[in-house]
Protein backbone atom coordinates (compact mmCIF):
# COMPACT_ATOMS: atom_id res chain seq x y z
CA MET A 1 -107.85 84.44 -235.40
CA ALA A 2 -104.74 81.44 -235.81
CA LEU A 3 -104.43 79.31 -232.93
CA ASN A 4 -101.67 80.87 -230.66
CA TRP A 5 -99.43 77.62 -230.35
CA LYS A 6 -97.10 79.43 -227.89
CA PRO A 7 -98.60 79.21 -224.99
CA VAL A 8 -100.28 76.29 -225.72
CA ALA A 9 -96.46 74.53 -226.02
CA GLY A 10 -95.39 76.23 -223.31
CA THR A 11 -98.49 75.15 -220.77
CA LEU A 12 -98.55 72.20 -221.87
CA ALA A 13 -94.76 71.53 -221.15
CA ALA A 14 -95.44 73.08 -217.98
CA LEU A 15 -98.67 70.58 -217.37
CA ILE A 16 -95.79 67.95 -217.91
CA GLY A 17 -93.02 69.86 -215.41
CA PHE A 18 -95.87 69.22 -212.55
CA GLN A 19 -96.51 65.64 -214.01
CA GLY A 20 -92.85 65.24 -213.34
CA ILE A 21 -92.91 66.19 -209.82
CA ALA A 22 -96.04 63.66 -208.65
CA LEU A 23 -94.05 61.33 -210.19
CA TRP A 24 -91.58 61.74 -207.73
CA ILE A 25 -93.84 60.65 -205.15
CA PRO A 26 -94.54 57.04 -205.75
CA ALA A 27 -90.21 56.87 -206.61
CA LEU A 28 -90.46 57.63 -202.59
CA VAL A 29 -92.82 55.43 -202.03
CA GLY A 30 -91.00 52.54 -203.51
CA ALA A 31 -87.60 53.29 -202.35
CA TRP A 32 -88.98 53.30 -199.01
CA PHE A 33 -90.44 49.60 -199.86
CA GLY A 34 -87.38 48.86 -200.83
CA GLU A 35 -88.54 48.59 -204.32
CA GLY A 36 -85.68 48.36 -207.44
CA SER A 37 -88.47 49.90 -210.17
CA TRP A 38 -88.69 52.65 -208.20
CA TRP A 39 -86.10 54.19 -210.07
CA THR A 40 -88.21 54.07 -213.33
CA PHE A 41 -90.11 57.24 -211.39
CA ALA A 42 -87.36 58.77 -210.76
CA ALA A 43 -86.22 58.97 -214.33
CA VAL A 44 -89.04 60.04 -215.83
CA GLY A 45 -89.95 62.21 -213.11
CA ALA A 46 -86.76 63.86 -213.73
CA VAL A 47 -86.81 63.95 -217.23
CA SER A 48 -90.37 64.91 -217.44
CA MET A 49 -89.00 67.92 -215.08
CA LEU A 50 -86.08 69.05 -217.42
CA LEU A 51 -88.51 68.98 -219.98
CA GLY A 52 -91.41 70.58 -218.81
CA TRP A 53 -88.79 73.62 -217.16
CA ALA A 54 -87.03 73.48 -220.88
CA GLY A 55 -90.41 74.03 -222.76
CA TRP A 56 -92.29 76.55 -220.81
CA LYS A 57 -88.97 79.32 -220.95
CA ALA A 58 -88.89 78.11 -224.74
CA TRP A 59 -92.26 78.46 -225.72
CA HIS A 60 -94.65 80.53 -222.72
CA GLY A 61 -93.77 83.41 -224.98
CA GLY A 62 -96.13 86.51 -226.38
CA ASN A 63 -98.88 88.16 -224.28
CA PRO A 64 -100.19 85.12 -221.37
CA ASP A 65 -103.55 87.64 -220.91
CA GLU A 66 -104.54 86.91 -224.85
CA LEU A 67 -105.06 83.13 -224.17
CA ARG A 68 -108.57 82.28 -225.47
CA VAL A 69 -110.79 80.22 -225.59
CA ARG A 70 -109.35 78.58 -228.41
CA GLU A 71 -105.96 77.77 -227.29
CA GLY A 72 -107.97 76.78 -223.87
CA PHE A 73 -109.99 73.62 -225.08
CA THR A 74 -106.80 72.54 -227.44
CA ILE A 75 -104.67 72.85 -223.99
CA VAL A 76 -107.51 70.95 -221.76
CA ALA A 77 -108.07 68.37 -224.81
CA THR A 78 -104.45 67.48 -225.90
CA ALA A 79 -102.86 67.39 -222.12
CA TRP A 80 -104.79 64.14 -221.29
CA PHE A 81 -103.58 62.73 -223.66
CA VAL A 82 -99.73 63.57 -223.60
CA LEU A 83 -99.93 63.43 -219.60
CA ALA A 84 -100.81 59.24 -220.43
CA ALA A 85 -98.31 58.85 -222.85
CA VAL A 86 -95.68 60.54 -220.65
CA GLY A 87 -97.40 59.05 -217.37
CA CYS A 88 -97.43 55.52 -218.82
CA MET A 89 -93.56 55.11 -219.29
CA PRO A 90 -92.95 53.75 -216.13
CA PHE A 91 -95.05 50.87 -216.48
CA VAL A 92 -93.23 49.65 -219.69
CA LEU A 93 -89.44 50.71 -218.59
CA ALA A 94 -89.97 48.59 -215.58
CA GLY A 95 -91.46 46.05 -217.82
CA VAL A 96 -94.48 45.70 -215.21
CA LEU A 97 -97.34 45.75 -218.60
CA PRO A 98 -96.09 43.71 -221.09
CA SER A 99 -96.79 46.86 -223.90
CA TYR A 100 -97.06 50.10 -224.19
CA THR A 101 -100.42 50.18 -225.42
CA ASP A 102 -101.60 48.22 -221.60
CA ALA A 103 -99.27 51.12 -219.99
CA TYR A 104 -101.15 53.89 -221.79
CA PHE A 105 -105.11 52.41 -221.24
CA GLU A 106 -104.20 51.71 -217.76
CA VAL A 107 -103.16 55.81 -216.91
CA ALA A 108 -105.33 56.80 -219.35
CA SER A 109 -107.91 54.85 -217.23
CA GLY A 110 -106.47 56.99 -214.42
CA PHE A 111 -106.34 60.41 -215.38
CA THR A 112 -109.31 60.27 -216.59
CA THR A 113 -111.27 58.07 -212.93
CA THR A 114 -113.00 55.36 -214.89
CA GLY A 115 -111.01 52.66 -213.38
CA ALA A 116 -110.81 50.53 -216.13
CA SER A 117 -107.89 48.20 -216.05
CA VAL A 118 -105.89 45.38 -217.79
CA LEU A 119 -104.41 43.88 -214.48
CA GLY A 120 -105.24 40.88 -214.05
CA GLY A 121 -104.96 38.85 -217.48
CA ALA A 122 -103.88 35.97 -218.53
CA HIS A 123 -100.39 38.12 -219.91
CA THR A 124 -100.99 40.70 -217.29
CA PRO A 125 -99.43 40.36 -213.26
CA ALA A 126 -102.30 40.50 -210.69
CA ILE A 127 -103.08 43.51 -209.19
CA GLU A 128 -100.67 42.77 -205.52
CA ALA A 129 -98.43 41.53 -207.31
CA ILE A 130 -97.20 44.59 -209.08
CA PRO A 131 -94.85 47.07 -206.41
CA LYS A 132 -96.62 49.19 -204.78
CA ALA A 133 -95.07 52.29 -206.14
CA PHE A 134 -97.28 51.31 -209.52
CA LEU A 135 -100.55 51.28 -207.19
CA LEU A 136 -100.24 54.13 -205.96
CA TRP A 137 -99.60 56.16 -209.14
CA ARG A 138 -102.78 54.62 -209.96
CA SER A 139 -104.93 56.18 -207.48
CA LEU A 140 -102.01 59.35 -207.76
CA THR A 141 -103.78 59.75 -211.25
CA HIS A 142 -107.35 58.95 -210.16
CA TRP A 143 -106.73 61.81 -207.71
CA ILE A 144 -105.38 64.48 -209.55
CA GLY A 145 -107.31 63.81 -213.08
CA GLY A 146 -110.37 63.67 -210.53
CA MET A 147 -110.21 67.78 -209.72
CA GLY A 148 -109.07 68.38 -213.23
CA ILE A 149 -105.20 68.22 -213.77
CA ILE A 150 -105.52 71.97 -215.37
CA VAL A 151 -107.81 73.00 -211.95
CA LEU A 152 -104.96 71.58 -209.31
CA THR A 153 -102.62 73.47 -211.67
CA LEU A 154 -104.06 77.12 -211.69
CA ALA A 155 -104.00 76.49 -207.99
CA VAL A 156 -100.46 75.46 -207.49
CA MET A 157 -98.75 77.41 -210.35
CA PRO A 158 -99.65 81.10 -210.25
CA ILE A 159 -98.19 81.73 -213.68
CA LEU A 160 -100.72 79.51 -214.88
CA GLY A 161 -103.69 81.68 -213.38
CA VAL A 162 -103.48 83.96 -216.16
CA GLY A 163 -106.09 83.69 -218.66
CA GLY A 164 -106.98 80.70 -216.06
CA MET A 165 -111.07 80.84 -217.04
CA GLN A 166 -110.60 79.81 -220.28
CA LEU A 167 -108.83 76.27 -218.96
CA TYR A 168 -111.54 76.12 -216.13
CA LYS A 169 -114.53 76.19 -218.46
CA ALA A 170 -113.11 73.30 -220.20
CA GLU A 171 -111.81 71.85 -217.45
CA VAL A 172 -114.87 70.97 -214.68
CA PRO A 173 -117.51 68.64 -215.54
CA GLY A 174 -120.88 69.46 -216.70
CA PRO A 175 -122.99 72.44 -218.83
CA SER A 176 -121.51 75.80 -216.70
CA ALA A 177 -118.74 76.24 -214.85
CA ASP A 178 -120.08 77.67 -211.31
CA LYS A 179 -116.94 80.04 -210.07
CA LEU A 180 -117.50 80.33 -206.22
CA THR A 181 -114.88 82.97 -205.99
CA PRO A 182 -114.12 85.48 -209.08
CA ARG A 183 -110.97 84.57 -209.40
CA VAL A 184 -110.62 81.27 -211.17
CA ARG A 185 -107.36 80.95 -209.50
CA GLU A 186 -108.91 81.28 -205.72
CA THR A 187 -112.07 78.81 -206.97
CA ALA A 188 -109.25 76.40 -207.56
CA LYS A 189 -107.38 76.66 -204.21
CA ARG A 190 -110.89 76.75 -202.49
CA LEU A 191 -112.09 73.24 -205.06
CA TRP A 192 -108.84 71.46 -203.87
CA LEU A 193 -109.04 72.38 -200.35
CA ILE A 194 -112.36 70.96 -199.67
CA TYR A 195 -111.04 67.77 -201.73
CA VAL A 196 -107.81 67.56 -199.92
CA GLY A 197 -110.22 68.15 -196.73
CA ILE A 198 -112.04 65.21 -197.34
CA THR A 199 -109.72 62.89 -198.50
CA VAL A 200 -107.99 63.08 -195.41
CA ILE A 201 -110.93 62.22 -194.09
CA GLN A 202 -111.69 58.87 -195.24
CA VAL A 203 -108.12 58.40 -194.85
CA LEU A 204 -108.53 58.22 -191.47
CA LEU A 205 -111.78 56.26 -191.16
CA LEU A 206 -110.15 53.46 -193.20
CA TRP A 207 -107.14 53.65 -191.68
CA PRO A 208 -108.26 51.01 -188.69
CA ALA A 209 -110.01 48.60 -191.18
CA MET A 210 -107.09 48.68 -194.50
CA GLY A 211 -103.39 50.42 -193.23
CA LEU A 212 -102.81 53.87 -194.00
CA PHE A 213 -101.42 51.90 -197.67
CA ASP A 214 -104.31 50.97 -199.00
CA ALA A 215 -106.53 53.57 -196.71
CA VAL A 216 -104.63 56.54 -199.17
CA ASN A 217 -105.07 54.44 -202.21
CA HIS A 218 -108.89 53.66 -202.00
CA ALA A 219 -109.67 57.14 -200.53
CA PHE A 220 -107.75 58.71 -203.56
CA ALA A 221 -110.00 56.71 -205.89
CA THR A 222 -113.28 57.48 -203.48
CA MET A 223 -112.90 60.61 -203.99
CA ALA A 224 -112.08 60.62 -207.47
CA THR A 225 -115.04 58.30 -207.98
CA GLY A 226 -112.10 56.59 -209.55
CA GLY A 227 -112.52 52.53 -208.71
CA PHE A 228 -109.18 51.58 -208.98
CA SER A 229 -108.54 49.44 -205.79
CA THR A 230 -104.68 47.73 -204.55
CA LYS A 231 -107.03 44.24 -204.69
CA ASN A 232 -108.06 42.56 -207.26
CA ALA A 233 -111.19 41.67 -205.64
CA SER A 234 -111.60 45.17 -205.50
CA VAL A 235 -113.52 46.22 -202.00
CA GLY A 236 -114.77 42.89 -201.66
CA HIS A 237 -111.37 41.76 -200.56
CA TYR A 238 -112.31 43.14 -196.70
CA GLY A 239 -115.33 41.72 -196.59
CA SER A 240 -116.00 44.56 -194.25
CA ALA A 241 -119.41 46.18 -193.67
CA TYR A 242 -117.39 49.08 -191.73
CA VAL A 243 -115.66 49.57 -195.24
CA ASP A 244 -117.96 49.37 -197.60
CA TRP A 245 -120.13 51.52 -195.56
CA VAL A 246 -117.49 54.09 -195.40
CA ILE A 247 -116.51 54.19 -198.88
CA THR A 248 -120.48 53.78 -199.73
CA VAL A 249 -120.73 57.65 -198.00
CA PHE A 250 -117.89 59.03 -199.18
CA MET A 251 -118.42 58.03 -202.76
CA PHE A 252 -121.79 60.20 -202.75
CA LEU A 253 -120.29 63.12 -201.38
CA ALA A 254 -117.73 62.59 -204.82
CA GLY A 255 -120.48 62.47 -206.59
CA MET A 256 -121.92 66.07 -205.47
CA ASN A 257 -121.18 68.89 -206.47
CA PHE A 258 -118.03 70.55 -204.98
CA ALA A 259 -119.61 74.44 -204.71
CA LEU A 260 -122.08 72.51 -202.62
CA HIS A 261 -119.64 71.38 -200.22
CA TYR A 262 -118.49 75.40 -199.95
CA ARG A 263 -121.66 75.61 -199.22
CA LEU A 264 -121.72 73.56 -196.66
CA LEU A 265 -118.64 74.67 -195.21
CA ARG A 266 -120.08 78.45 -194.84
CA GLY A 267 -123.42 77.39 -192.62
CA GLN A 268 -125.59 77.16 -196.41
CA PRO A 269 -127.09 73.89 -195.95
CA VAL A 270 -130.37 74.89 -196.34
CA THR A 271 -129.20 75.97 -200.26
CA VAL A 272 -127.55 72.25 -200.48
CA PHE A 273 -131.22 70.82 -200.06
CA ARG A 274 -133.45 73.33 -201.94
CA ASP A 275 -130.76 72.71 -204.76
CA THR A 276 -133.04 70.57 -207.74
CA GLU A 277 -130.29 68.45 -209.06
CA PHE A 278 -129.48 67.29 -205.48
CA ARG A 279 -132.59 66.73 -204.30
CA VAL A 280 -132.93 64.20 -207.88
CA TYR A 281 -129.55 62.79 -206.89
CA ALA A 282 -130.47 61.69 -203.33
CA ALA A 283 -133.52 60.46 -204.80
CA ILE A 284 -131.93 58.46 -207.56
CA VAL A 285 -129.35 56.79 -204.67
CA LEU A 286 -131.94 56.09 -202.27
CA VAL A 287 -134.53 54.51 -204.75
CA SER A 288 -131.47 52.46 -206.77
CA GLY A 289 -130.00 50.82 -203.05
CA VAL A 290 -133.64 50.41 -201.68
CA VAL A 291 -134.96 48.53 -204.76
CA LEU A 292 -130.94 46.55 -205.80
CA ALA A 293 -131.68 45.85 -201.73
CA ILE A 294 -135.25 44.32 -202.41
CA ALA A 295 -134.32 42.40 -205.75
CA THR A 296 -131.46 40.87 -203.60
CA TRP A 297 -132.79 39.79 -201.39
CA GLN A 298 -132.74 36.41 -200.60
CA PRO A 299 -136.86 35.74 -199.84
CA VAL A 300 -137.19 37.56 -202.58
CA VAL A 301 -134.51 36.45 -204.40
CA SER A 302 -135.89 32.55 -203.59
CA ARG A 303 -139.41 33.35 -205.41
CA LEU A 304 -138.12 34.74 -208.20
CA PRO A 305 -138.24 32.30 -211.82
CA LEU A 306 -135.09 32.04 -211.79
CA ASP A 307 -133.03 29.35 -213.72
CA GLU A 308 -132.07 26.46 -211.41
CA SER A 309 -128.27 27.19 -212.42
CA THR A 310 -128.56 30.95 -211.68
CA ALA A 311 -130.12 30.20 -208.23
CA ASP A 312 -127.15 28.49 -207.25
CA PHE A 313 -124.69 31.11 -207.86
CA PHE A 314 -126.55 33.63 -206.21
CA PRO A 315 -129.25 32.70 -203.74
CA GLY A 316 -129.60 36.32 -202.26
CA TYR A 317 -128.20 37.57 -199.47
CA ALA A 318 -129.79 36.62 -196.16
CA SER A 319 -130.38 39.32 -194.17
CA VAL A 320 -132.08 42.67 -194.58
CA ALA A 321 -128.46 44.42 -193.40
CA ASP A 322 -126.26 42.57 -196.44
CA ALA A 323 -128.92 43.43 -198.95
CA LEU A 324 -128.84 47.18 -198.44
CA ARG A 325 -125.52 47.02 -197.51
CA TYR A 326 -124.46 45.86 -200.97
CA GLY A 327 -127.29 46.75 -202.77
CA PHE A 328 -126.51 50.61 -201.92
CA PHE A 329 -123.14 49.86 -202.29
CA GLN A 330 -123.55 48.57 -205.50
CA GLY A 331 -125.82 51.43 -206.75
CA ILE A 332 -124.04 54.02 -206.02
CA SER A 333 -120.97 52.81 -207.14
CA ILE A 334 -122.17 53.00 -211.15
CA VAL A 335 -124.21 55.72 -210.53
CA THR A 336 -120.74 58.00 -209.29
CA THR A 337 -119.46 56.59 -212.20
CA THR A 338 -117.23 54.94 -209.58
CA GLY A 339 -116.73 51.42 -210.15
CA PHE A 340 -115.82 49.73 -207.15
CA ALA A 341 -117.08 46.03 -206.41
CA THR A 342 -118.49 44.35 -203.69
CA ALA A 343 -119.32 41.99 -205.62
CA ASP A 344 -119.94 40.21 -208.97
CA TYR A 345 -123.59 41.81 -210.19
CA GLU A 346 -123.68 39.67 -213.49
CA PHE A 347 -124.95 36.81 -211.16
CA TRP A 348 -128.13 39.50 -209.56
CA PRO A 349 -131.53 38.55 -210.70
CA PRO A 350 -132.71 40.43 -214.37
CA LEU A 351 -134.55 43.01 -212.35
CA ALA A 352 -131.00 44.09 -210.34
CA LEU A 353 -129.44 43.85 -213.51
CA GLY A 354 -131.71 45.92 -216.01
CA LEU A 355 -131.49 48.70 -213.46
CA LEU A 356 -127.60 48.80 -212.63
CA PHE A 357 -127.60 48.93 -216.39
CA SER A 358 -130.07 51.63 -216.32
CA LEU A 359 -127.53 53.33 -213.90
CA PHE A 360 -124.98 53.38 -216.12
CA PHE A 361 -126.81 56.76 -218.20
CA ILE A 362 -126.40 59.01 -215.39
CA GLY A 363 -123.62 60.03 -213.66
CA GLY A 364 -123.06 61.87 -210.72
CA MET A 365 -124.15 65.65 -210.18
CA ALA A 366 -122.29 68.64 -212.02
CA GLY A 367 -119.23 69.88 -211.02
CA SER A 368 -118.05 66.57 -209.09
CA THR A 369 -115.44 64.56 -210.43
CA GLY A 370 -118.28 61.63 -211.17
CA GLY A 371 -118.38 61.19 -215.01
CA GLY A 372 -121.67 60.72 -217.28
CA VAL A 373 -124.10 62.38 -218.82
CA LYS A 374 -124.56 63.77 -215.31
CA VAL A 375 -127.93 64.64 -212.92
CA ILE A 376 -128.29 68.33 -214.18
CA ARG A 377 -128.66 67.17 -217.67
CA HIS A 378 -131.69 64.60 -216.68
CA VAL A 379 -132.99 67.21 -214.98
CA LEU A 380 -133.18 69.56 -217.63
CA MET A 381 -134.13 67.17 -220.23
CA TYR A 382 -137.02 66.14 -218.38
CA LYS A 383 -138.01 69.40 -217.87
CA ASN A 384 -137.40 70.75 -221.06
CA SER A 385 -139.89 67.46 -222.31
CA TYR A 386 -142.61 68.23 -220.05
CA LYS A 387 -142.78 71.59 -221.18
CA GLU A 388 -143.17 70.82 -224.75
CA ILE A 389 -146.31 68.57 -223.89
CA ARG A 390 -147.58 71.99 -222.42
CA GLN A 391 -146.82 73.57 -225.23
CA LEU A 392 -148.93 71.06 -227.16
CA VAL A 393 -151.88 71.83 -225.06
CA HIS A 394 -151.56 75.55 -224.71
CA PRO A 395 -149.48 76.71 -228.24
CA GLN A 396 -150.00 80.52 -227.80
CA ALA A 397 -148.49 80.28 -224.31
CA ILE A 398 -145.03 81.78 -223.77
CA LEU A 399 -143.30 78.86 -221.29
CA THR A 400 -140.02 78.63 -220.27
CA VAL A 401 -137.90 75.81 -218.48
CA ARG A 402 -136.75 76.95 -215.04
CA LEU A 403 -134.49 75.48 -212.25
CA ASN A 404 -133.97 76.37 -209.20
CA GLY A 405 -136.44 78.93 -210.10
CA ARG A 406 -134.33 81.04 -212.82
CA VAL A 407 -135.00 80.66 -216.27
CA VAL A 408 -132.29 77.86 -218.18
CA PRO A 409 -131.02 80.21 -220.93
CA GLN A 410 -132.05 78.35 -224.79
CA ASP A 411 -128.20 78.05 -225.29
CA VAL A 412 -127.86 75.39 -221.94
CA MET A 413 -130.46 73.74 -223.47
CA ARG A 414 -129.04 73.54 -226.58
CA ASN A 415 -125.78 72.37 -225.17
CA VAL A 416 -127.92 69.97 -223.62
CA LEU A 417 -129.31 68.28 -226.43
CA SER A 418 -126.35 68.46 -228.17
CA PHE A 419 -124.38 66.79 -225.57
CA ILE A 420 -126.58 63.80 -225.31
CA VAL A 421 -126.51 63.42 -229.16
CA LEU A 422 -123.60 63.60 -229.45
CA TYR A 423 -122.80 60.90 -226.02
CA LEU A 424 -125.40 58.09 -228.19
CA GLY A 425 -123.47 58.77 -231.09
CA LEU A 426 -119.95 58.11 -229.45
CA ILE A 427 -121.50 55.35 -228.06
CA GLY A 428 -122.50 53.89 -231.35
CA ILE A 429 -119.32 54.49 -233.18
CA GLY A 430 -117.32 52.64 -230.47
CA THR A 431 -119.38 50.28 -230.29
CA LEU A 432 -118.31 49.54 -234.17
CA ALA A 433 -114.72 49.88 -233.67
CA VAL A 434 -114.87 48.03 -231.07
CA THR A 435 -116.23 45.34 -232.19
CA ALA A 436 -114.47 45.64 -235.20
CA SER A 437 -111.42 44.61 -233.01
CA GLY A 438 -113.12 41.28 -232.33
CA VAL A 439 -115.09 41.29 -229.52
CA ASP A 440 -118.58 40.21 -228.74
CA LEU A 441 -121.50 42.80 -229.10
CA HIS A 442 -122.76 43.01 -225.23
CA SER A 443 -118.88 43.01 -223.79
CA ALA A 444 -117.72 45.81 -226.97
CA PHE A 445 -121.25 47.82 -226.21
CA THR A 446 -121.06 47.56 -221.73
CA GLY A 447 -117.72 48.29 -222.51
CA VAL A 448 -117.87 51.57 -225.11
CA ILE A 449 -120.79 52.89 -222.09
CA SER A 450 -118.31 52.67 -219.31
CA SER A 451 -115.73 53.88 -221.14
CA VAL A 452 -117.22 56.94 -221.74
CA GLY A 453 -119.44 57.39 -219.56
CA ASN A 454 -115.90 56.91 -216.59
CA ILE A 455 -116.97 54.02 -214.79
CA GLY A 456 -115.13 50.45 -215.26
CA PRO A 457 -116.90 47.44 -215.22
CA ALA A 458 -119.26 46.29 -217.87
CA PHE A 459 -121.08 43.75 -218.31
CA GLY A 460 -120.17 40.20 -219.82
CA THR A 461 -116.13 39.33 -220.65
CA LEU A 462 -115.84 43.39 -218.50
CA GLY A 463 -117.53 42.36 -215.49
CA PRO A 464 -116.64 43.61 -212.41
CA ALA A 465 -114.65 40.31 -211.88
CA GLU A 466 -113.47 40.47 -215.28
CA ASN A 467 -110.63 42.81 -217.03
CA TYR A 468 -109.63 44.66 -219.54
CA ALA A 469 -106.43 42.74 -220.38
CA HIS A 470 -108.12 40.84 -223.58
CA ILE A 471 -109.21 43.54 -225.50
CA PRO A 472 -107.18 43.94 -228.81
CA ALA A 473 -104.79 47.11 -228.87
CA LEU A 474 -107.37 48.58 -231.69
CA GLY A 475 -110.01 48.26 -228.81
CA LYS A 476 -108.32 49.27 -226.29
CA TRP A 477 -106.84 52.64 -227.96
CA MET A 478 -110.51 53.72 -229.17
CA LEU A 479 -111.53 52.99 -226.15
CA SER A 480 -108.79 54.89 -224.35
CA PHE A 481 -109.88 57.62 -227.14
CA LEU A 482 -113.49 57.32 -225.86
CA MET A 483 -112.48 57.71 -222.18
CA ILE A 484 -110.65 61.09 -222.58
CA ALA A 485 -113.45 62.28 -224.53
CA GLY A 486 -115.91 60.86 -221.82
CA ARG A 487 -114.03 62.80 -219.05
CA LEU A 488 -113.39 65.97 -221.04
CA GLU A 489 -117.40 66.23 -221.31
CA ILE A 490 -116.99 65.16 -225.58
CA PHE A 491 -117.63 68.46 -226.68
CA THR A 492 -112.90 69.24 -225.55
CA VAL A 493 -112.24 66.42 -227.43
CA LEU A 494 -114.44 66.52 -230.57
CA VAL A 495 -113.54 70.75 -231.48
CA LEU A 496 -110.50 69.62 -232.18
CA PHE A 497 -111.83 67.85 -235.03
CA ALA A 498 -114.06 70.63 -236.34
CA PRO A 499 -112.49 72.01 -239.66
CA SER A 500 -113.92 75.80 -238.36
CA PHE A 501 -111.63 75.85 -235.30
CA TRP A 502 -108.74 75.68 -237.54
CA ARG A 503 -109.59 78.38 -239.43
CA SER A 504 -108.23 81.89 -238.67
């Protein structure tokens, strides 16, 4: 059966209308602070709301109960491109960014929770120099995109809940979508209640240390594992161990499967700690944090065979407390794909850099707001590889891959293997495209990995102390596409390029 365009167009219109409502939040904040550019958010918000209402009324026709997987994938994949295209307009109208390309890149990076920014470049303003309304909008795009614009819509707009499982399956990160309750709308509501609740707690904890406005922005970015900060030096600007540890803890929580948060709230902590993926995730965070702390501790750094100029830039952290603080913060920031920074890790010793680079390929847990490959896929790949080795030793044995005591279906394993191939293939093709735009190989390769994994900072000219402003327009559009593809787990976007998808 051919794609039914009416519910697709109607739902996309409704999403644009919902974004129009969200745009009024920074408009009101800008007006409160007396910023003249507040009208750009109000204008784009009003037009979006009008177009959304008109589009929904005109195109939502047909039987909404017949929304199928094909329409679900189309809505989710195209929604992110469309919402970024509309959501970046205030940056253009207010002249905050010099081009539509820069504005689109910034907002796409926000919605996908990547956190790569063009601000602070030679031809773009510093982060602190732009109005507060735009700082809030950047963080708000993180927060909305973190749990997913589709899941949010299912939670607050019941009319879109019909046929919602198709949307939910295409939106929720991970190999499979695990419903907490039988109805998708109820699942979405509970996810968002947890999400909002943890965000509020973090705001209250950060408020005394950085003020309400910065606390809200950093909480939005943390829970979304996004990484946009209100400061050019990111979290390192505050120079506070308290701030670093609070954000470290909440990055860890954001990288967890939100179904586990639900179990904790229901008084089932034992089931959480028995979860294989959680145990591996916690182990990765613990081991990487400790190794990074050791590798950056001054007594260890002083004994490493480093170049003298490099040692002058980074002599190491004098105390164990500082080494643990910076090591755990940066490690979990990369593992969860948040992308916050408290130090320019490019000056760290080679062992620390090598470990951080390997963490680029991990990602958070399935069902979290984190990007990347996801811990569960690494677990399943390891288990499958071990099964194959055992199969060589016992060729007649019937062996299976088990996770949490249950046999993993073959279709899930095929999905995991296919995802890894596509993930690496997208990195290769993306690197070629970005280098073709004139970016050096080191920066292009790590920048593409960072974009597909929704991490933000990379290496080379795209390190934690740098930005993406100098990337040519072609490279920015390619990276924007990669960010969206990575956020939607690749399949959701690439399926639109399969001819069989469009055949009746």
